[in-house]
Amino acid sequence: MASITVKNIPDDLYERLKKVAGTHHRSINSEVINCLEVVLKPRTLSVQERLSRIRSIREKADQKGLDRDEIAGAIKAGRA
């Protein structure tokens, strides 16, 4: 397994990392690895998870609802 050394970490960033690591009951090294995994590893969603998220977004969007005149007005306003 590879190793890296991170130099010149700003003090405030290090303190935040240390606090989050403590919250998650991890070492600072383990927290750094977790942060890198979250950012760099693509997370695949199952079809059901993706559909669930889409339905949730649609429900929120449908709460207000827009009619054709409102949509046309918004388009015109954006072009002005």
N, C-alpha and C. Protein backbone atom coordinates (compact mmCIF):
# COMPACT_ATOMS: atom_id res chain seq x y z
N MET A 1 0.84 -1.17 0.00
CA MET A 1 0.00 0.00 0.00
C MET A 1 0.89 1.24 0.00
N ALA A 2 0.50 2.24 -0.76
CA ALA A 2 1.29 3.45 -0.90
C ALA A 2 1.14 4.37 0.31
N SER A 3 2.13 5.24 0.47
CA SER A 3 2.10 6.24 1.53
C SER A 3 2.33 7.61 0.92
N ILE A 4 1.74 8.62 1.55
CA ILE A 4 2.01 10.00 1.14
C ILE A 4 2.23 10.84 2.39
N THR A 5 2.92 11.94 2.19
CA THR A 5 3.12 12.91 3.25
C THR A 5 2.49 14.21 2.78
N VAL A 6 1.68 14.80 3.61
CA VAL A 6 1.04 16.07 3.26
C VAL A 6 1.71 17.16 4.08
N LYS A 7 2.24 18.16 3.39
CA LYS A 7 2.97 19.22 4.07
C LYS A 7 2.20 20.53 3.97
N ASN A 8 2.51 21.42 4.89
CA ASN A 8 1.97 22.79 4.88
C ASN A 8 0.45 22.85 4.94
N ILE A 9 -0.15 21.99 5.74
CA ILE A 9 -1.60 22.04 5.94
C ILE A 9 -1.90 23.26 6.80
N PRO A 10 -2.80 24.12 6.35
CA PRO A 10 -3.16 25.28 7.17
C PRO A 10 -3.69 24.83 8.54
N ASP A 11 -3.34 25.58 9.58
CA ASP A 11 -3.72 25.20 10.94
C ASP A 11 -5.22 25.02 11.09
N ASP A 12 -6.01 25.93 10.52
CA ASP A 12 -7.47 25.83 10.67
C ASP A 12 -8.02 24.58 10.00
N LEU A 13 -7.45 24.21 8.85
CA LEU A 13 -7.88 23.00 8.16
C LEU A 13 -7.51 21.76 8.97
N TYR A 14 -6.33 21.75 9.53
CA TYR A 14 -5.89 20.62 10.36
C TYR A 14 -6.80 20.47 11.58
N GLU A 15 -7.15 21.58 12.21
CA GLU A 15 -8.02 21.52 13.38
C GLU A 15 -9.41 20.99 13.02
N ARG A 16 -9.92 21.41 11.87
CA ARG A 16 -11.23 20.89 11.43
C ARG A 16 -11.15 19.40 11.16
N LEU A 17 -10.07 18.97 10.50
CA LEU A 17 -9.87 17.55 10.21
C LEU A 17 -9.78 16.75 11.51
N LYS A 18 -9.04 17.27 12.46
CA LYS A 18 -8.88 16.60 13.75
C LYS A 18 -10.23 16.48 14.48
N LYS A 19 -11.02 17.54 14.42
CA LYS A 19 -12.34 17.53 15.08
C LYS A 19 -13.28 16.51 14.42
N VAL A 20 -13.30 16.52 13.08
CA VAL A 20 -14.17 15.58 12.36
C VAL A 20 -13.72 14.14 12.60
N ALA A 21 -12.42 13.91 12.61
CA ALA A 21 -11.90 12.57 12.89
C ALA A 21 -12.36 12.09 14.26
N GLY A 22 -12.29 12.98 15.24
CA GLY A 22 -12.76 12.61 16.58
C GLY A 22 -14.24 12.30 16.61
N THR A 23 -15.02 13.09 15.87
CA THR A 23 -16.47 12.87 15.80
C THR A 23 -16.78 11.50 15.22
N HIS A 24 -16.00 11.10 14.23
CA HIS A 24 -16.22 9.80 13.58
C HIS A 24 -15.44 8.66 14.24
N HIS A 25 -14.77 8.96 15.35
CA HIS A 25 -13.97 7.96 16.07
C HIS A 25 -12.91 7.33 15.16
N ARG A 26 -12.23 8.20 14.41
CA ARG A 26 -11.18 7.75 13.50
C ARG A 26 -9.88 8.47 13.84
N SER A 27 -8.79 7.89 13.39
CA SER A 27 -7.52 8.60 13.46
C SER A 27 -7.53 9.66 12.37
N ILE A 28 -6.62 10.60 12.46
CA ILE A 28 -6.54 11.63 11.43
C ILE A 28 -6.21 10.98 10.08
N ASN A 29 -5.31 10.00 10.09
CA ASN A 29 -4.96 9.29 8.86
C ASN A 29 -6.19 8.63 8.24
N SER A 30 -6.97 7.94 9.05
CA SER A 30 -8.18 7.27 8.54
C SER A 30 -9.19 8.28 8.01
N GLU A 31 -9.28 9.42 8.66
CA GLU A 31 -10.21 10.46 8.20
C GLU A 31 -9.76 11.03 6.86
N VAL A 32 -8.46 11.23 6.68
CA VAL A 32 -7.95 11.72 5.40
C VAL A 32 -8.26 10.71 4.30
N ILE A 33 -8.05 9.43 4.56
CA ILE A 33 -8.36 8.40 3.58
C ILE A 33 -9.85 8.41 3.24
N ASN A 34 -10.69 8.53 4.24
CA ASN A 34 -12.13 8.58 4.01
C ASN A 34 -12.50 9.79 3.15
N CYS A 35 -11.93 10.95 3.46
CA CYS A 35 -12.20 12.16 2.68
C CYS A 35 -11.80 11.97 1.22
N LEU A 36 -10.64 11.38 1.00
CA LEU A 36 -10.19 11.13 -0.37
C LEU A 36 -11.11 10.16 -1.09
N GLU A 37 -11.56 9.12 -0.40
CA GLU A 37 -12.47 8.16 -1.02
C GLU A 37 -13.79 8.81 -1.41
N VAL A 38 -14.32 9.64 -0.52
CA VAL A 38 -15.59 10.31 -0.80
C VAL A 38 -15.47 11.20 -2.04
N VAL A 39 -14.37 11.89 -2.16
CA VAL A 39 -14.19 12.83 -3.27
C VAL A 39 -13.79 12.12 -4.57
N LEU A 40 -12.94 11.11 -4.47
CA LEU A 40 -12.35 10.53 -5.67
C LEU A 40 -13.00 9.26 -6.19
N LYS A 41 -13.68 8.51 -5.35
CA LYS A 41 -14.29 7.27 -5.81
C LYS A 41 -15.72 7.55 -6.27
N PRO A 42 -16.02 7.19 -7.51
CA PRO A 42 -17.40 7.38 -7.96
C PRO A 42 -18.34 6.44 -7.21
N ARG A 43 -19.47 6.99 -6.84
CA ARG A 43 -20.46 6.18 -6.13
C ARG A 43 -21.57 5.82 -7.10
N THR A 44 -21.75 4.55 -7.32
CA THR A 44 -22.80 4.12 -8.24
C THR A 44 -24.10 3.94 -7.48
N LEU A 45 -25.16 4.43 -8.08
CA LEU A 45 -26.48 4.29 -7.48
C LEU A 45 -27.24 3.20 -8.21
N SER A 46 -28.00 2.45 -7.44
CA SER A 46 -28.85 1.44 -8.08
C SER A 46 -29.98 2.17 -8.80
N VAL A 47 -30.64 1.47 -9.68
CA VAL A 47 -31.75 2.05 -10.41
C VAL A 47 -32.82 2.53 -9.43
N GLN A 48 -33.08 1.73 -8.40
CA GLN A 48 -34.10 2.10 -7.42
C GLN A 48 -33.72 3.36 -6.65
N GLU A 49 -32.44 3.49 -6.27
CA GLU A 49 -31.98 4.69 -5.57
C GLU A 49 -32.12 5.92 -6.47
N ARG A 50 -31.74 5.78 -7.71
CA ARG A 50 -31.82 6.90 -8.65
C ARG A 50 -33.28 7.32 -8.85
N LEU A 51 -34.17 6.34 -9.06
CA LEU A 51 -35.59 6.66 -9.23
C LEU A 51 -36.18 7.31 -7.99
N SER A 52 -35.78 6.83 -6.84
CA SER A 52 -36.26 7.41 -5.59
C SER A 52 -35.86 8.87 -5.48
N ARG A 53 -34.63 9.19 -5.81
CA ARG A 53 -34.16 10.58 -5.77
C ARG A 53 -34.91 11.44 -6.78
N ILE A 54 -35.12 10.92 -7.98
CA ILE A 54 -35.85 11.66 -9.01
C ILE A 54 -37.27 11.94 -8.56
N ARG A 55 -37.93 10.93 -8.01
CA ARG A 55 -39.31 11.13 -7.53
C ARG A 55 -39.38 12.16 -6.42
N SER A 56 -38.41 12.14 -5.54
CA SER A 56 -38.36 13.11 -4.45
C SER A 56 -38.21 14.53 -4.99
N ILE A 57 -37.34 14.71 -5.96
CA ILE A 57 -37.14 16.02 -6.56
C ILE A 57 -38.40 16.47 -7.28
N ARG A 58 -39.03 15.57 -8.00
CA ARG A 58 -40.27 15.91 -8.72
C ARG A 58 -41.37 16.32 -7.76
N GLU A 59 -41.51 15.61 -6.65
CA GLU A 59 -42.54 15.95 -5.67
C GLU A 59 -42.35 17.37 -5.16
N LYS A 60 -41.11 17.73 -4.87
CA LYS A 60 -40.82 19.07 -4.38
C LYS A 60 -41.10 20.11 -5.46
N ALA A 61 -40.76 19.79 -6.69
CA ALA A 61 -40.96 20.74 -7.79
C ALA A 61 -42.44 20.89 -8.12
N ASP A 62 -43.23 19.85 -7.98
CA ASP A 62 -44.64 19.89 -8.32
C ASP A 62 -45.48 20.59 -7.26
N GLN A 63 -44.93 20.86 -6.11
CA GLN A 63 -45.71 21.48 -5.04
C GLN A 63 -46.27 22.82 -5.47
N LYS A 64 -45.48 23.62 -6.15
CA LYS A 64 -45.95 24.93 -6.57
C LYS A 64 -46.67 24.83 -7.90
N GLY A 65 -46.05 24.20 -8.84
CA GLY A 65 -46.63 24.07 -10.16
C GLY A 65 -46.60 25.39 -10.92
N LEU A 66 -46.28 25.33 -12.16
CA LEU A 66 -46.27 26.51 -13.02
C LEU A 66 -47.19 26.25 -14.20
N ASP A 67 -47.93 27.31 -14.58
CA ASP A 67 -48.74 27.14 -15.78
C ASP A 67 -47.96 27.66 -16.99
N ARG A 68 -48.51 27.46 -18.18
CA ARG A 68 -47.81 27.84 -19.41
C ARG A 68 -47.49 29.33 -19.46
N ASP A 69 -48.39 30.17 -18.98
CA ASP A 69 -48.17 31.62 -19.00
C ASP A 69 -46.98 32.01 -18.10
N GLU A 70 -46.88 31.38 -16.94
CA GLU A 70 -45.76 31.66 -16.03
C GLU A 70 -44.43 31.23 -16.65
N ILE A 71 -44.44 30.09 -17.30
CA ILE A 71 -43.22 29.60 -17.95
C ILE A 71 -42.83 30.54 -19.09
N ALA A 72 -43.81 30.93 -19.92
CA ALA A 72 -43.53 31.84 -21.03
C ALA A 72 -43.01 33.17 -20.51
N GLY A 73 -43.58 33.68 -19.42
CA GLY A 73 -43.12 34.94 -18.83
C GLY A 73 -41.71 34.83 -18.33
N ALA A 74 -41.37 33.72 -17.71
CA ALA A 74 -40.01 33.51 -17.21
C ALA A 74 -39.01 33.45 -18.35
N ILE A 75 -39.39 32.80 -19.44
CA ILE A 75 -38.52 32.71 -20.61
C ILE A 75 -38.29 34.09 -21.20
N LYS A 76 -39.37 34.86 -21.35
CA LYS A 76 -39.24 36.23 -21.89
C LYS A 76 -38.37 37.09 -20.99
N ALA A 77 -38.57 36.99 -19.68
CA ALA A 77 -37.78 37.79 -18.74
C ALA A 77 -36.30 37.44 -18.83
N GLY A 78 -36.01 36.17 -19.06
CA GLY A 78 -34.63 35.74 -19.17
C GLY A 78 -33.95 36.22 -20.43
N ARG A 79 -34.73 36.51 -21.43
CA ARG A 79 -34.18 36.96 -22.72
C ARG A 79 -34.09 38.47 -22.79
N ALA A 80 -34.70 39.15 -21.87
CA ALA A 80 -34.72 40.63 -21.93
C ALA A 80 -33.39 41.22 -21.53
